[in-house]
Amino acid sequence: MPTNRKSLAVLSLASCLLALAACGDPGSGGGVADPTTQTSATGASCEPVAGEKLVVLEDDKTLQNADNVIPAVSASVAEANPTVVPLLDTVSDALDTDKLIALNKAVDIDRQTSSEVAHGFVKDEGLAAQEKSGEGVSVVIGAANFSESSTLANIYAEVLRTAGFDAQVREIGARETYLPALESGELAAVPEYAATLAEFLNASVNGADAEPVASGDVDATVAALEPLAAERGLVVGAASAAQDQNAFAVTQEFADEHGVSTLSELAEACGGGLTLAGPAECPERPFCQPGLEETYGLVFTDFTAYDFALIGEAVRKGEAAIGLVLSSDGSLG
């Protein structure tokens, strides 16, 4: 199995990824699920089915929070350069989860550079600006220290260059480091994740014990995010349809055998029980095993803990029927 694009970050921060509120990294969009009334499980138990291709089952009852890719922009830069946010919004309009998976596959598995992939995406999607609104203006686009963020930052920079901006990309690191630079205007923009950023800013503005504001509804999450961003001297653009968040995957062969494409269908088809693969914290975290049980009525006969980067391979090998993955993982392509 190719190295997961976030394996180094995730392996060291697995418990952070599984926290109730986001710990500063994308892909951690779990939250507390609203209680739902469940009917009795009636299906048979479903054994693992080995296969090469994983498919993510739709989270049709929104157990996970909406970690949609969204541009975060320095308010001072946006005010001085009114075309920046609309230009970055064109990227959001063009991007969905399948395309994000393809971008990650190109970088993490096919070993192209983020700048090469960004150039091709902007060209293929027809995102070149029609007017040179940024002539003579230099801007720096920030990126976190993982490949997806770098690729998205390069896409933002490439689009701004077509509008005449002198746009460079700088890899900064963690959110705690790059947000102050974004607030000050040292960075013009950073690719962000709606739910994770909303909860990070919520804790910053309202305190660590603040009531969560993110949910599985992306519009409501962005509506909650906007005033929090304004408090910190930021503006956010349009949320894309692309999501990088926790998700649950089975093999294509398993999905075909049982006729499932959603987690609700899985619960109906496999009411007798399933085996689950996830990080060690999964049985205790509300968006993982307890959330699946409460929200969907899924029944698990066994749980096996794996390092995060090895979960997908365990499902492929038939060691578990379903496993926790990242929705934009390039290996899903």
C-alpha atoms as a PDB file:
ATOM      1  CA  MET A   1       0.000   0.000   0.000  1.00  0.00           C
ATOM      2  CA  PRO A   2       1.421   3.452  -0.906  1.00  0.00           C
ATOM      3  CA  THR A   3       2.266   5.727   1.976  1.00  0.00           C
ATOM      4  CA  ASN A   4      -0.806   7.658   3.085  1.00  0.00           C
ATOM      5  CA  ARG A   5      -0.459  11.381   2.365  1.00  0.00           C
ATOM      6  CA  LYS A   6      -0.928  12.142   6.054  1.00  0.00           C
ATOM      7  CA  SER A   7       0.564   9.043   7.585  1.00  0.00           C
ATOM      8  CA  LEU A   8       3.337  10.815   9.457  1.00  0.00           C
ATOM      9  CA  ALA A   9       1.017  13.453  10.876  1.00  0.00           C
ATOM     10  CA  VAL A  10      -1.780  11.051  11.665  1.00  0.00           C
ATOM     11  CA  LEU A  11       0.367   8.398  13.280  1.00  0.00           C
ATOM     12  CA  SER A  12       1.734  10.945  15.717  1.00  0.00           C
ATOM     13  CA  LEU A  13      -1.604  12.635  16.310  1.00  0.00           C
ATOM     14  CA  ALA A  14      -4.078   9.763  16.245  1.00  0.00           C
ATOM     15  CA  SER A  15      -5.576  10.634  19.590  1.00  0.00           C
ATOM     16  CA  CYS A  16      -5.878  14.283  18.537  1.00  0.00           C
ATOM     17  CA  LEU A  17      -7.684  13.227  15.358  1.00  0.00           C
ATOM     18  CA  LEU A  18     -10.196  11.346  17.485  1.00  0.00           C
ATOM     19  CA  ALA A  19     -10.868  14.204  19.894  1.00  0.00           C
ATOM     20  CA  LEU A  20     -14.371  15.604  20.287  1.00  0.00           C
ATOM     21  CA  ALA A  21     -13.302  19.007  19.002  1.00  0.00           C
ATOM     22  CA  ALA A  22     -10.695  19.382  16.286  1.00  0.00           C
ATOM     23  CA  CYS A  23      -7.084  19.568  17.462  1.00  0.00           C
ATOM     24  CA  GLY A  24      -5.845  21.693  14.617  1.00  0.00           C
ATOM     25  CA  ASP A  25      -5.599  19.207  11.770  1.00  0.00           C
ATOM     26  CA  PRO A  26      -8.079  18.531   8.987  1.00  0.00           C
ATOM     27  CA  GLY A  27      -9.734  15.181   8.755  1.00  0.00           C
ATOM     28  CA  SER A  28     -10.870  15.397  12.357  1.00  0.00           C
ATOM     29  CA  GLY A  29     -14.417  16.481  11.779  1.00  0.00           C
ATOM     30  CA  GLY A  30     -16.062  14.175  14.305  1.00  0.00           C
ATOM     31  CA  GLY A  31     -18.576  15.552  16.750  1.00  0.00           C
ATOM     32  CA  VAL A  32     -21.351  14.563  19.068  1.00  0.00           C
ATOM     33  CA  ALA A  33     -24.173  13.000  17.102  1.00  0.00           C
ATOM     34  CA  ASP A  34     -27.751  13.961  17.808  1.00  0.00           C
ATOM     35  CA  PRO A  35     -29.613  11.073  19.440  1.00  0.00           C
ATOM     36  CA  THR A  36     -31.823   9.178  17.023  1.00  0.00           C
ATOM     37  CA  THR A  37     -34.507   6.585  17.469  1.00  0.00           C
ATOM     38  CA  GLN A  38     -33.354   3.205  16.186  1.00  0.00           C
ATOM     39  CA  THR A  39     -35.330   0.243  14.990  1.00  0.00           C
ATOM     40  CA  SER A  40     -34.262  -3.312  15.800  1.00  0.00           C
ATOM     41  CA  ALA A  41     -31.502  -4.670  13.616  1.00  0.00           C
ATOM     42  CA  THR A  42     -32.811  -7.435  11.378  1.00  0.00           C
ATOM     43  CA  GLY A  43     -30.042  -8.180   8.872  1.00  0.00           C
ATOM     44  CA  ALA A  44     -27.534 -11.010   8.898  1.00  0.00           C
ATOM     45  CA  SER A  45     -23.979 -10.702  10.100  1.00  0.00           C
ATOM     46  CA  CYS A  46     -21.600  -9.617   7.334  1.00  0.00           C
ATOM     47  CA  GLU A  47     -18.127 -11.089   7.097  1.00  0.00           C
ATOM     48  CA  PRO A  48     -15.227  -9.072   5.622  1.00  0.00           C
ATOM     49  CA  VAL A  49     -14.719  -9.324   1.865  1.00  0.00           C
ATOM     50  CA  ALA A  50     -11.160  -8.726   0.678  1.00  0.00           C
ATOM     51  CA  GLY A  51     -10.573  -6.514  -2.345  1.00  0.00           C
ATOM     52  CA  GLU A  52      -8.232  -3.951  -3.870  1.00  0.00           C
ATOM     53  CA  LYS A  53     -10.530  -0.925  -4.006  1.00  0.00           C
ATOM     54  CA  LEU A  54     -12.075   0.838  -1.021  1.00  0.00           C
ATOM     55  CA  VAL A  55     -15.324   2.785  -1.220  1.00  0.00           C
ATOM     56  CA  VAL A  56     -16.481   5.292   1.365  1.00  0.00           C
ATOM     57  CA  LEU A  57     -20.045   4.766   2.546  1.00  0.00           C
ATOM     58  CA  GLU A  58     -22.146   7.915   2.605  1.00  0.00           C
ATOM     59  CA  ASP A  59     -22.618   9.395   6.071  1.00  0.00           C
ATOM     60  CA  ASP A  60     -26.300  10.002   5.346  1.00  0.00           C
ATOM     61  CA  LYS A  61     -27.166  10.986   8.934  1.00  0.00           C
ATOM     62  CA  THR A  62     -24.186  13.368   9.235  1.00  0.00           C
ATOM     63  CA  LEU A  63     -22.349  11.767  12.118  1.00  0.00           C
ATOM     64  CA  GLN A  64     -19.245  13.720  11.041  1.00  0.00           C
ATOM     65  CA  ASN A  65     -18.878  17.482  11.008  1.00  0.00           C
ATOM     66  CA  ALA A  66     -18.572  19.264   7.656  1.00  0.00           C
ATOM     67  CA  ASP A  67     -14.834  19.640   7.022  1.00  0.00           C
ATOM     68  CA  ASN A  68     -15.205  21.136   3.560  1.00  0.00           C
ATOM     69  CA  VAL A  69     -12.194  22.839   2.001  1.00  0.00           C
ATOM     70  CA  ILE A  70     -12.583  26.619   2.278  1.00  0.00           C
ATOM     71  CA  PRO A  71     -10.201  29.549   1.650  1.00  0.00           C
ATOM     72  CA  ALA A  72      -9.264  31.566   4.732  1.00  0.00           C
ATOM     73  CA  VAL A  73      -8.030  35.031   3.779  1.00  0.00           C
ATOM     74  CA  SER A  74      -6.427  37.869   5.678  1.00  0.00           C
ATOM     75  CA  ALA A  75      -9.056  40.605   6.054  1.00  0.00           C
ATOM     76  CA  SER A  76      -6.463  43.307   5.385  1.00  0.00           C
ATOM     77  CA  VAL A  77      -5.350  41.612   2.154  1.00  0.00           C
ATOM     78  CA  ALA A  78      -8.947  41.080   1.049  1.00  0.00           C
ATOM     79  CA  GLU A  79      -9.770  44.731   1.689  1.00  0.00           C
ATOM     80  CA  ALA A  80      -6.732  45.970  -0.236  1.00  0.00           C
ATOM     81  CA  ASN A  81      -7.285  43.473  -3.074  1.00  0.00           C
ATOM     82  CA  PRO A  82     -11.029  42.895  -3.556  1.00  0.00           C
ATOM     83  CA  THR A  83     -10.560  40.294  -6.292  1.00  0.00           C
ATOM     84  CA  VAL A  84      -8.628  37.820  -4.115  1.00  0.00           C
ATOM     85  CA  VAL A  85     -11.625  36.157  -2.450  1.00  0.00           C
ATOM     86  CA  PRO A  86     -13.663  35.850  -5.686  1.00  0.00           C
ATOM     87  CA  LEU A  87     -10.642  34.336  -7.446  1.00  0.00           C
ATOM     88  CA  LEU A  88     -10.178  31.737  -4.697  1.00  0.00           C
ATOM     89  CA  ASP A  89     -13.909  31.037  -4.759  1.00  0.00           C
ATOM     90  CA  THR A  90     -13.500  29.811  -8.336  1.00  0.00           C
ATOM     91  CA  VAL A  91     -11.329  27.029  -6.925  1.00  0.00           C
ATOM     92  CA  SER A  92     -14.051  26.128  -4.422  1.00  0.00           C
ATOM     93  CA  ASP A  93     -16.617  26.052  -7.217  1.00  0.00           C
ATOM     94  CA  ALA A  94     -14.469  23.612  -9.207  1.00  0.00           C
ATOM     95  CA  LEU A  95     -13.456  21.291  -6.369  1.00  0.00           C
ATOM     96  CA  ASP A  96     -15.286  18.238  -5.038  1.00  0.00           C
ATOM     97  CA  THR A  97     -14.156  15.232  -3.021  1.00  0.00           C
ATOM     98  CA  ASP A  98     -13.487  13.025  -6.060  1.00  0.00           C
ATOM     99  CA  LYS A  99     -11.241  15.704  -7.543  1.00  0.00           C
ATOM    100  CA  LEU A 100      -9.484  16.167  -4.210  1.00  0.00           C
ATOM    101  CA  ILE A 101      -8.822  12.422  -4.057  1.00  0.00           C
ATOM    102  CA  ALA A 102      -7.390  12.610  -7.593  1.00  0.00           C
ATOM    103  CA  LEU A 103      -5.118  15.510  -6.622  1.00  0.00           C
ATOM    104  CA  ASN A 104      -3.856  13.608  -3.595  1.00  0.00           C
ATOM    105  CA  LYS A 105      -3.323  10.465  -5.659  1.00  0.00           C
ATOM    106  CA  ALA A 106      -1.275  12.416  -8.187  1.00  0.00           C
ATOM    107  CA  VAL A 107       1.023  13.746  -5.464  1.00  0.00           C
ATOM    108  CA  ASP A 108       1.160  10.958  -2.882  1.00  0.00           C
ATOM    109  CA  ILE A 109       0.991   7.888  -5.103  1.00  0.00           C
ATOM    110  CA  ASP A 110       2.007   8.994  -8.590  1.00  0.00           C
ATOM    111  CA  ARG A 111       4.754  11.219  -7.113  1.00  0.00           C
ATOM    112  CA  GLN A 112       4.098  14.384  -9.061  1.00  0.00           C
ATOM    113  CA  THR A 113       4.938  17.669  -7.339  1.00  0.00           C
ATOM    114  CA  SER A 114       2.211  19.806  -5.820  1.00  0.00           C
ATOM    115  CA  SER A 115       3.085  22.675  -8.160  1.00  0.00           C
ATOM    116  CA  GLU A 116       2.843  20.427 -11.237  1.00  0.00           C
ATOM    117  CA  VAL A 117      -0.515  19.061 -10.119  1.00  0.00           C
ATOM    118  CA  ALA A 118      -1.800  22.553  -9.325  1.00  0.00           C
ATOM    119  CA  HIS A 119      -0.792  23.877 -12.742  1.00  0.00           C
ATOM    120  CA  GLY A 120      -2.600  21.003 -14.469  1.00  0.00           C
ATOM    121  CA  PHE A 121      -5.735  21.425 -12.342  1.00  0.00           C
ATOM    122  CA  VAL A 122      -6.030  25.145 -13.045  1.00  0.00           C
ATOM    123  CA  LYS A 123      -5.565  24.506 -16.756  1.00  0.00           C
ATOM    124  CA  ASP A 124      -7.951  21.544 -16.956  1.00  0.00           C
ATOM    125  CA  GLU A 125     -10.666  23.296 -14.932  1.00  0.00           C
ATOM    126  CA  GLY A 126     -10.372  26.553 -16.904  1.00  0.00           C
ATOM    127  CA  LEU A 127      -9.673  28.621 -13.791  1.00  0.00           C
ATOM    128  CA  ALA A 128      -7.369  31.207 -15.384  1.00  0.00           C
ATOM    129  CA  ALA A 129      -8.520  34.738 -14.579  1.00  0.00           C
ATOM    130  CA  GLN A 130      -9.876  36.917 -17.358  1.00  0.00           C
ATOM    131  CA  GLU A 131      -8.458  40.173 -15.981  1.00  0.00           C
ATOM    132  CA  LYS A 132      -5.060  41.184 -14.603  1.00  0.00           C
ATOM    133  CA  SER A 133      -6.398  42.632 -11.360  1.00  0.00           C
ATOM    134  CA  GLY A 134      -3.281  41.865  -9.334  1.00  0.00           C
ATOM    135  CA  GLU A 135      -0.529  43.462 -11.403  1.00  0.00           C
ATOM    136  CA  GLY A 136       2.291  44.637  -9.147  1.00  0.00           C
ATOM    137  CA  VAL A 137       0.924  42.957  -5.994  1.00  0.00           C
ATOM    138  CA  SER A 138       2.961  40.311  -4.176  1.00  0.00           C
ATOM    139  CA  VAL A 139       1.159  37.799  -1.963  1.00  0.00           C
ATOM    140  CA  VAL A 140       2.168  34.694  -0.033  1.00  0.00           C
ATOM    141  CA  ILE A 141      -0.151  31.698   0.230  1.00  0.00           C
ATOM    142  CA  GLY A 142       0.394  29.604   3.335  1.00  0.00           C
ATOM    143  CA  ALA A 143       0.273  25.826   3.558  1.00  0.00           C
ATOM    144  CA  ALA A 144       0.208  23.433   6.476  1.00  0.00           C
ATOM    145  CA  ASN A 145       2.850  20.703   6.614  1.00  0.00           C
ATOM    146  CA  PHE A 146       1.083  17.965   4.641  1.00  0.00           C
ATOM    147  CA  SER A 147       0.786  17.397   0.930  1.00  0.00           C
ATOM    148  CA  GLU A 148      -2.926  18.111   0.442  1.00  0.00           C
ATOM    149  CA  SER A 149      -2.548  21.563   1.977  1.00  0.00           C
ATOM    150  CA  SER A 150       0.503  22.244  -0.180  1.00  0.00           C
ATOM    151  CA  THR A 151      -1.350  21.216  -3.346  1.00  0.00           C
ATOM    152  CA  LEU A 152      -4.362  23.382  -2.514  1.00  0.00           C
ATOM    153  CA  ALA A 153      -2.101  26.323  -1.666  1.00  0.00           C
ATOM    154  CA  ASN A 154      -0.339  25.919  -5.011  1.00  0.00           C
ATOM    155  CA  ILE A 155      -3.717  25.903  -6.775  1.00  0.00           C
ATOM    156  CA  TYR A 156      -4.654  29.147  -5.010  1.00  0.00           C
ATOM    157  CA  ALA A 157      -1.319  30.689  -5.983  1.00  0.00           C
ATOM    158  CA  GLU A 158      -1.602  29.514  -9.589  1.00  0.00           C
ATOM    159  CA  VAL A 159      -5.047  31.095  -9.970  1.00  0.00           C
ATOM    160  CA  LEU A 160      -3.809  34.375  -8.474  1.00  0.00           C
ATOM    161  CA  ARG A 161      -0.827  34.376 -10.830  1.00  0.00           C
ATOM    162  CA  THR A 162      -3.168  34.189 -13.819  1.00  0.00           C
ATOM    163  CA  ALA A 163      -4.682  37.432 -12.492  1.00  0.00           C
ATOM    164  CA  GLY A 164      -1.268  39.095 -12.416  1.00  0.00           C
ATOM    165  CA  PHE A 165      -0.395  38.639  -8.748  1.00  0.00           C
ATOM    166  CA  ASP A 166       3.151  37.681  -7.822  1.00  0.00           C
ATOM    167  CA  ALA A 167       2.024  34.731  -5.709  1.00  0.00           C
ATOM    168  CA  GLN A 168       4.354  32.440  -3.798  1.00  0.00           C
ATOM    169  CA  VAL A 169       3.651  29.433  -1.556  1.00  0.00           C
ATOM    170  CA  ARG A 170       5.199  29.064   1.885  1.00  0.00           C
ATOM    171  CA  GLU A 171       4.809  25.927   3.983  1.00  0.00           C
ATOM    172  CA  ILE A 172       4.327  27.138   7.548  1.00  0.00           C
ATOM    173  CA  GLY A 173       3.283  24.178   9.669  1.00  0.00           C
ATOM    174  CA  ALA A 174       0.519  23.904  12.227  1.00  0.00           C
ATOM    175  CA  ARG A 175      -2.562  26.101  12.489  1.00  0.00           C
ATOM    176  CA  GLU A 176      -1.258  27.685  15.688  1.00  0.00           C
ATOM    177  CA  THR A 177       1.690  28.978  13.647  1.00  0.00           C
ATOM    178  CA  TYR A 178       0.098  30.071  10.394  1.00  0.00           C
ATOM    179  CA  LEU A 179      -3.063  31.761  11.691  1.00  0.00           C
ATOM    180  CA  PRO A 180      -1.197  34.655  13.364  1.00  0.00           C
ATOM    181  CA  ALA A 181       0.696  35.206  10.104  1.00  0.00           C
ATOM    182  CA  LEU A 182      -2.622  35.168   8.249  1.00  0.00           C
ATOM    183  CA  GLU A 183      -4.194  37.645  10.683  1.00  0.00           C
ATOM    184  CA  SER A 184      -1.278  40.041  10.300  1.00  0.00           C
ATOM    185  CA  GLY A 185      -1.384  39.933   6.504  1.00  0.00           C
ATOM    186  CA  GLU A 186       2.032  38.283   6.253  1.00  0.00           C
ATOM    187  CA  LEU A 187       0.107  35.483   4.573  1.00  0.00           C
ATOM    188  CA  ALA A 188      -2.661  36.391   2.147  1.00  0.00           C
ATOM    189  CA  ALA A 189      -4.593  33.120   2.287  1.00  0.00           C
ATOM    190  CA  VAL A 190      -4.464  29.527   3.485  1.00  0.00           C
ATOM    191  CA  PRO A 191      -6.586  26.535   2.400  1.00  0.00           C
ATOM    192  CA  GLU A 192      -8.668  25.555   5.427  1.00  0.00           C
ATOM    193  CA  TYR A 193     -11.379  23.132   6.562  1.00  0.00           C
ATOM    194  CA  ALA A 194     -14.709  24.579   7.654  1.00  0.00           C
ATOM    195  CA  ALA A 195     -15.589  22.566  10.762  1.00  0.00           C
ATOM    196  CA  THR A 196     -12.050  22.290  12.089  1.00  0.00           C
ATOM    197  CA  LEU A 197     -11.370  26.007  11.641  1.00  0.00           C
ATOM    198  CA  ALA A 198     -14.751  26.909  13.168  1.00  0.00           C
ATOM    199  CA  GLU A 199     -14.032  24.912  16.321  1.00  0.00           C
ATOM    200  CA  PHE A 200     -10.439  26.145  16.547  1.00  0.00           C
ATOM    201  CA  LEU A 201     -11.582  29.767  16.377  1.00  0.00           C
ATOM    202  CA  ASN A 202     -14.538  29.058  18.647  1.00  0.00           C
ATOM    203  CA  ALA A 203     -12.160  27.865  21.356  1.00  0.00           C
ATOM    204  CA  SER A 204      -9.859  30.821  20.717  1.00  0.00           C
ATOM    205  CA  VAL A 205     -12.629  33.444  20.875  1.00  0.00           C
ATOM    206  CA  ASN A 206     -15.044  31.873  23.374  1.00  0.00           C
ATOM    207  CA  GLY A 207     -12.829  29.616  25.473  1.00  0.00           C
ATOM    208  CA  ALA A 208     -11.910  25.950  25.489  1.00  0.00           C
ATOM    209  CA  ASP A 209     -15.257  24.979  27.054  1.00  0.00           C
ATOM    210  CA  ALA A 210     -17.378  26.836  24.476  1.00  0.00           C
ATOM    211  CA  GLU A 211     -20.403  25.043  23.077  1.00  0.00           C
ATOM    212  CA  PRO A 212     -19.480  23.461  19.694  1.00  0.00           C
ATOM    213  CA  VAL A 213     -20.605  25.416  16.628  1.00  0.00           C
ATOM    214  CA  ALA A 214     -19.717  22.987  13.810  1.00  0.00           C
ATOM    215  CA  SER A 215     -22.106  20.339  12.537  1.00  0.00           C
ATOM    216  CA  GLY A 216     -22.654  18.091   9.554  1.00  0.00           C
ATOM    217  CA  ASP A 217     -24.469  20.973   7.815  1.00  0.00           C
ATOM    218  CA  VAL A 218     -21.830  22.863   5.855  1.00  0.00           C
ATOM    219  CA  ASP A 219     -23.965  25.990   5.398  1.00  0.00           C
ATOM    220  CA  ALA A 220     -24.687  26.228   9.125  1.00  0.00           C
ATOM    221  CA  THR A 221     -21.032  25.554   9.931  1.00  0.00           C
ATOM    222  CA  VAL A 222     -19.834  28.322   7.609  1.00  0.00           C
ATOM    223  CA  ALA A 223     -22.457  30.692   9.021  1.00  0.00           C
ATOM    224  CA  ALA A 224     -21.029  30.023  12.491  1.00  0.00           C
ATOM    225  CA  LEU A 225     -17.458  30.331  11.205  1.00  0.00           C
ATOM    226  CA  GLU A 226     -17.799  33.729   9.526  1.00  0.00           C
ATOM    227  CA  PRO A 227     -18.230  35.914  12.645  1.00  0.00           C
ATOM    228  CA  LEU A 228     -15.526  33.959  14.479  1.00  0.00           C
ATOM    229  CA  ALA A 229     -13.156  34.563  11.570  1.00  0.00           C
ATOM    230  CA  ALA A 230     -14.018  38.277  11.618  1.00  0.00           C
ATOM    231  CA  GLU A 231     -13.067  38.408  15.313  1.00  0.00           C
ATOM    232  CA  ARG A 232      -9.577  37.254  14.350  1.00  0.00           C
ATOM    233  CA  GLY A 233      -9.126  39.534  11.338  1.00  0.00           C
ATOM    234  CA  LEU A 234      -9.991  36.902   8.760  1.00  0.00           C
ATOM    235  CA  VAL A 235     -12.557  36.391   6.057  1.00  0.00           C
ATOM    236  CA  VAL A 236     -13.561  33.078   4.539  1.00  0.00           C
ATOM    237  CA  GLY A 237     -14.558  32.415   0.976  1.00  0.00           C
ATOM    238  CA  ALA A 238     -17.040  29.908  -0.393  1.00  0.00           C
ATOM    239  CA  ALA A 239     -16.917  26.364   0.921  1.00  0.00           C
ATOM    240  CA  SER A 240     -16.158  23.771  -1.736  1.00  0.00           C
ATOM    241  CA  ALA A 241     -17.932  20.440  -2.074  1.00  0.00           C
ATOM    242  CA  ALA A 242     -14.594  18.731  -1.297  1.00  0.00           C
ATOM    243  CA  GLN A 243     -14.389  17.191   2.156  1.00  0.00           C
ATOM    244  CA  ASP A 244     -11.372  15.940   4.063  1.00  0.00           C
ATOM    245  CA  GLN A 245     -12.843  14.316   7.140  1.00  0.00           C
ATOM    246  CA  ASN A 246     -13.212  11.011   8.908  1.00  0.00           C
ATOM    247  CA  ALA A 247     -15.164   8.457   6.897  1.00  0.00           C
ATOM    248  CA  PHE A 248     -15.922   4.743   6.919  1.00  0.00           C
ATOM    249  CA  ALA A 249     -14.927   2.482   4.047  1.00  0.00           C
ATOM    250  CA  VAL A 250     -15.543  -1.065   2.879  1.00  0.00           C
ATOM    251  CA  THR A 251     -14.140  -2.861  -0.130  1.00  0.00           C
ATOM    252  CA  GLN A 252     -15.947  -2.454  -3.445  1.00  0.00           C
ATOM    253  CA  GLU A 253     -16.531  -6.202  -3.374  1.00  0.00           C
ATOM    254  CA  PHE A 254     -18.216  -5.953   0.034  1.00  0.00           C
ATOM    255  CA  ALA A 255     -20.400  -3.050  -1.130  1.00  0.00           C
ATOM    256  CA  ASP A 256     -21.437  -4.959  -4.262  1.00  0.00           C
ATOM    257  CA  GLU A 257     -22.159  -8.185  -2.384  1.00  0.00           C
ATOM    258  CA  HIS A 258     -24.434  -6.460   0.114  1.00  0.00           C
ATOM    259  CA  GLY A 259     -25.782  -3.689  -2.106  1.00  0.00           C
ATOM    260  CA  VAL A 260     -24.754  -0.847   0.200  1.00  0.00           C
ATOM    261  CA  SER A 261     -23.635   2.701  -0.507  1.00  0.00           C
ATOM    262  CA  THR A 262     -24.662   4.433   2.745  1.00  0.00           C
ATOM    263  CA  LEU A 263     -24.133   3.709   6.407  1.00  0.00           C
ATOM    264  CA  SER A 264     -27.896   3.380   6.856  1.00  0.00           C
ATOM    265  CA  GLU A 265     -28.003   0.676   4.166  1.00  0.00           C
ATOM    266  CA  LEU A 266     -25.096  -1.057   5.880  1.00  0.00           C
ATOM    267  CA  ALA A 267     -26.990  -1.154   9.171  1.00  0.00           C
ATOM    268  CA  GLU A 268     -30.019  -2.637   7.442  1.00  0.00           C
ATOM    269  CA  ALA A 269     -28.039  -5.245   5.530  1.00  0.00           C
ATOM    270  CA  CYS A 270     -25.699  -6.266   8.352  1.00  0.00           C
ATOM    271  CA  GLY A 271     -27.817  -6.078  11.475  1.00  0.00           C
ATOM    272  CA  GLY A 272     -26.274  -9.284  12.790  1.00  0.00           C
ATOM    273  CA  GLY A 273     -22.892  -7.639  13.195  1.00  0.00           C
ATOM    274  CA  LEU A 274     -19.678  -6.436  11.576  1.00  0.00           C
ATOM    275  CA  THR A 275     -15.995  -6.248  12.368  1.00  0.00           C
ATOM    276  CA  LEU A 276     -14.509  -2.756  12.673  1.00  0.00           C
ATOM    277  CA  ALA A 277     -10.946  -1.463  12.224  1.00  0.00           C
ATOM    278  CA  GLY A 278      -9.852   1.865  13.659  1.00  0.00           C
ATOM    279  CA  PRO A 279      -7.398   3.669  15.933  1.00  0.00           C
ATOM    280  CA  ALA A 280      -7.223   2.455  19.517  1.00  0.00           C
ATOM    281  CA  GLU A 281      -9.441   5.323  20.711  1.00  0.00           C
ATOM    282  CA  CYS A 282     -12.298   4.434  18.351  1.00  0.00           C
ATOM    283  CA  PRO A 283     -14.427   2.444  20.863  1.00  0.00           C
ATOM    284  CA  GLU A 284     -14.498   5.475  23.176  1.00  0.00           C
ATOM    285  CA  ARG A 285     -15.051   8.350  20.755  1.00  0.00           C
ATOM    286  CA  PRO A 286     -18.551   9.595  19.854  1.00  0.00           C
ATOM    287  CA  PHE A 287     -17.959   9.932  16.114  1.00  0.00           C
ATOM    288  CA  CYS A 288     -16.377   6.476  15.829  1.00  0.00           C
ATOM    289  CA  GLN A 289     -17.772   3.180  17.195  1.00  0.00           C
ATOM    290  CA  PRO A 290     -20.252   4.694  19.717  1.00  0.00           C
ATOM    291  CA  GLY A 291     -21.496   7.143  17.085  1.00  0.00           C
ATOM    292  CA  LEU A 292     -21.997   4.408  14.524  1.00  0.00           C
ATOM    293  CA  GLU A 293     -23.914   2.373  17.084  1.00  0.00           C
ATOM    294  CA  GLU A 294     -26.078   5.236  18.337  1.00  0.00           C
ATOM    295  CA  THR A 295     -26.711   7.103  15.092  1.00  0.00           C
ATOM    296  CA  TYR A 296     -27.016   4.169  12.701  1.00  0.00           C
ATOM    297  CA  GLY A 297     -27.782   1.198  14.934  1.00  0.00           C
ATOM    298  CA  LEU A 298     -24.751  -0.687  13.653  1.00  0.00           C
ATOM    299  CA  VAL A 299     -23.697  -3.755  15.636  1.00  0.00           C
ATOM    300  CA  PHE A 300     -20.028  -4.712  15.976  1.00  0.00           C
ATOM    301  CA  THR A 301     -18.944  -8.197  16.905  1.00  0.00           C
ATOM    302  CA  ASP A 302     -15.254  -7.308  17.037  1.00  0.00           C
ATOM    303  CA  PHE A 303     -12.954  -4.281  16.961  1.00  0.00           C
ATOM    304  CA  THR A 304      -9.267  -4.320  16.029  1.00  0.00           C
ATOM    305  CA  ALA A 305      -6.977  -1.360  16.642  1.00  0.00           C
ATOM    306  CA  TYR A 306      -4.496  -0.307  13.944  1.00  0.00           C
ATOM    307  CA  ASP A 307      -2.208   2.632  13.357  1.00  0.00           C
ATOM    308  CA  PHE A 308      -4.272   5.035  11.277  1.00  0.00           C
ATOM    309  CA  ALA A 309      -2.245   4.605   8.097  1.00  0.00           C
ATOM    310  CA  LEU A 310      -2.761   0.813   8.177  1.00  0.00           C
ATOM    311  CA  ILE A 311      -6.549   0.724   8.545  1.00  0.00           C
ATOM    312  CA  GLY A 312      -7.345   0.827   4.834  1.00  0.00           C
ATOM    313  CA  GLU A 313      -4.960  -2.022   4.120  1.00  0.00           C
ATOM    314  CA  ALA A 314      -6.568  -4.098   6.884  1.00  0.00           C
ATOM    315  CA  VAL A 315      -9.968  -3.691   5.219  1.00  0.00           C
ATOM    316  CA  ARG A 316      -8.502  -4.510   1.803  1.00  0.00           C
ATOM    317  CA  LYS A 317      -6.998  -7.714   3.184  1.00  0.00           C
ATOM    318  CA  GLY A 318     -10.306  -8.776   4.723  1.00  0.00           C
ATOM    319  CA  GLU A 319      -9.117  -8.375   8.308  1.00  0.00           C
ATOM    320  CA  ALA A 320     -12.160  -6.173   9.041  1.00  0.00           C
ATOM    321  CA  ALA A 321     -15.382  -5.462   7.196  1.00  0.00           C
ATOM    322  CA  ILE A 322     -15.285  -1.684   7.675  1.00  0.00           C
ATOM    323  CA  GLY A 323     -12.635   0.803   8.735  1.00  0.00           C
ATOM    324  CA  LEU A 324     -12.106   4.455   9.578  1.00  0.00           C
ATOM    325  CA  VAL A 325     -10.320   6.342   6.776  1.00  0.00           C
ATOM    326  CA  LEU A 326      -9.919   9.908   5.525  1.00  0.00           C
ATOM    327  CA  SER A 327     -12.449  10.867   2.885  1.00  0.00           C
ATOM    328  CA  SER A 328      -9.892  12.451   0.548  1.00  0.00           C
ATOM    329  CA  ASP A 329      -7.154   9.814   0.818  1.00  0.00           C
ATOM    330  CA  GLY A 330      -5.440   9.415  -2.545  1.00  0.00           C
ATOM    331  CA  SER A 331      -5.517   5.626  -2.217  1.00  0.00           C
ATOM    332  CA  LEU A 332      -9.305   5.779  -2.645  1.00  0.00           C
ATOM    333  CA  GLY A 333      -8.856   6.910  -6.236  1.00  0.00           C
END
